Protein backbone atom coordinates (compact mmCIF):
# COMPACT_ATOMS: atom_id res chain seq x y z
CA MET A 1 0.00 0.00 0.00
CA ALA A 2 1.58 3.30 -1.09
CA ASN A 3 2.16 5.81 1.67
CA PRO A 4 2.59 9.40 0.42
CA ARG A 5 2.46 10.95 3.91
CA LEU A 6 5.24 9.08 5.67
CA ALA A 7 8.95 9.00 4.85
CA GLY A 8 8.85 5.24 4.46
CA PRO A 9 6.75 2.15 5.01
CA ASP A 10 4.97 1.87 8.33
CA PRO A 11 5.23 -1.81 9.34
CA SER A 12 2.71 -1.41 12.18
CA LEU A 13 0.15 0.09 9.81
CA GLN A 14 0.77 -2.65 7.26
CA ARG A 15 0.30 -5.34 9.92
CA ALA A 16 -2.90 -3.68 11.18
CA CYS A 17 -4.34 -3.51 7.65
CA GLN A 18 -3.47 -7.14 6.97
CA ALA A 19 -4.98 -8.22 10.28
CA ALA A 20 -8.11 -6.11 9.64
CA SER A 21 -8.59 -7.81 6.28
CA ARG A 22 -8.69 -11.11 8.20
CA GLY A 23 -11.23 -9.86 10.74
CA ARG A 24 -8.88 -8.86 13.59
CA TRP A 25 -9.32 -5.45 15.22
CA GLU A 26 -6.67 -5.68 17.97
CA PRO A 27 -3.68 -4.52 15.88
CA ALA A 28 -5.66 -1.46 14.74
CA ALA A 29 -6.52 -0.67 18.36
CA ARG A 30 -2.81 -0.90 19.32
CA LEU A 31 -1.91 1.31 16.38
CA PHE A 32 -4.19 4.11 17.58
CA GLU A 33 -3.08 3.60 21.17
CA GLU A 34 0.58 4.01 20.15
CA ALA A 35 -0.23 7.11 18.06
CA GLY A 36 -1.54 8.82 21.18
CA GLN A 37 -2.54 12.38 20.37
CA ASP A 38 -0.63 12.57 17.09
CA TRP A 39 -3.79 13.50 15.20
CA GLU A 40 -2.17 13.52 11.76
CA ARG A 41 -0.94 9.98 12.21
CA ARG A 42 -4.29 8.85 13.64
CA SER A 43 -6.04 10.41 10.65
CA LEU A 44 -3.73 8.58 8.25
CA TYR A 45 -4.35 5.30 10.07
CA ALA A 46 -8.11 5.84 9.95
CA GLN A 47 -7.96 6.56 6.22
CA ARG A 48 -6.00 3.38 5.51
CA LEU A 49 -8.26 1.21 7.65
CA VAL A 50 -11.36 2.67 5.98
CA GLN A 51 -9.82 1.68 2.64
CA VAL A 52 -9.56 -1.89 3.95
CA ALA A 53 -13.22 -1.80 4.98
CA ALA A 54 -14.28 -0.20 1.69
CA GLY A 55 -12.55 -3.01 -0.14
CA GLY A 56 -15.12 -5.40 1.30
CA ARG A 57 -12.84 -6.63 4.06
CA ASP A 58 -14.78 -5.15 6.94
CA ARG A 59 -15.27 -8.16 9.22
CA TRP A 60 -12.90 -6.56 11.74
CA LEU A 61 -15.40 -3.73 12.28
CA GLU A 62 -17.87 -6.20 13.75
CA GLY A 63 -15.46 -6.78 16.63
CA VAL A 64 -14.88 -3.11 17.32
CA GLY A 65 -18.22 -2.76 19.09
CA GLY A 66 -17.02 -5.16 21.77
CA VAL A 67 -13.73 -3.37 22.35
CA GLN A 68 -15.03 -1.42 25.33
CA ALA A 69 -16.12 -4.64 27.01
CA ARG A 70 -12.69 -6.23 26.54
CA ARG A 71 -10.40 -3.23 27.08
CA PRO A 72 -10.35 -0.72 29.94
């Protein structure tokens, strides 16, 4: 996946997108957690993950609703 906003590949983002396409939300949650309040990075991550969902690989979104129950 091309990344015009970062100086190079972002392995964590790539792993989160791959996991999301297989129905796993946890790597995406860690990605946002690690980004903290870096809103530009969070925005980029959200854009990429939406692209995964728009590509018909949105099973991971079904698990997001239960995140609050499983994470403090």
